[in-house]
């Protein structure tokens, strides 16, 4: 069953709005939690293993006949890479896991928006490409997310302002899902 663009927009908009409302109303607590994120091993394990499972699901859906005999080996390889990253690449594991999740989420967003019959779908597609760039950038240099978080949460007013902007964007995407798509 294919995911509808309206459903995806409602879910993504609600997640963005919900997570950033915390930053708007409790900026100090939000900033403290955000600063812990890049080096959090439990979150890193969760994100990395979730991304591994998600990628394996995408691989299982691939129906190119040239890949069929290789699928068992590819499954083993990618599960090994995901688990191996958790065991041996602990530095900024949460950022690396998030980067892969962002790339997979962007694929889902573009695939879902591909056949929508409205120009508003470009909001989702543009957002997806921003996620692709962020995912690649944070994969190559994960410390940049730490630096970005530190900058974004340097003061309570900056944390509140940026959370408010992201909250507004989340409400906008939620409204698109409810009213347009």
Foldseek 3Di string as FASTA:
>chain_A
DADALLNVLQVQLCVLLVLLVCCQVPVVVNLVVQLCQQQDLVLLLVLLVVLLVLVLVVVVPDDDPVCVVVNVVVNVVSNCVSVVCSVPVNRRSNLLSQLSVLLSVLVSLCVNLVPDDDPVSVVSNVVSVVSNVSSVVCNVPVCVSSVVSCVCSVDSVSSNVVSVVSNVVSVVSSCCSVPPD
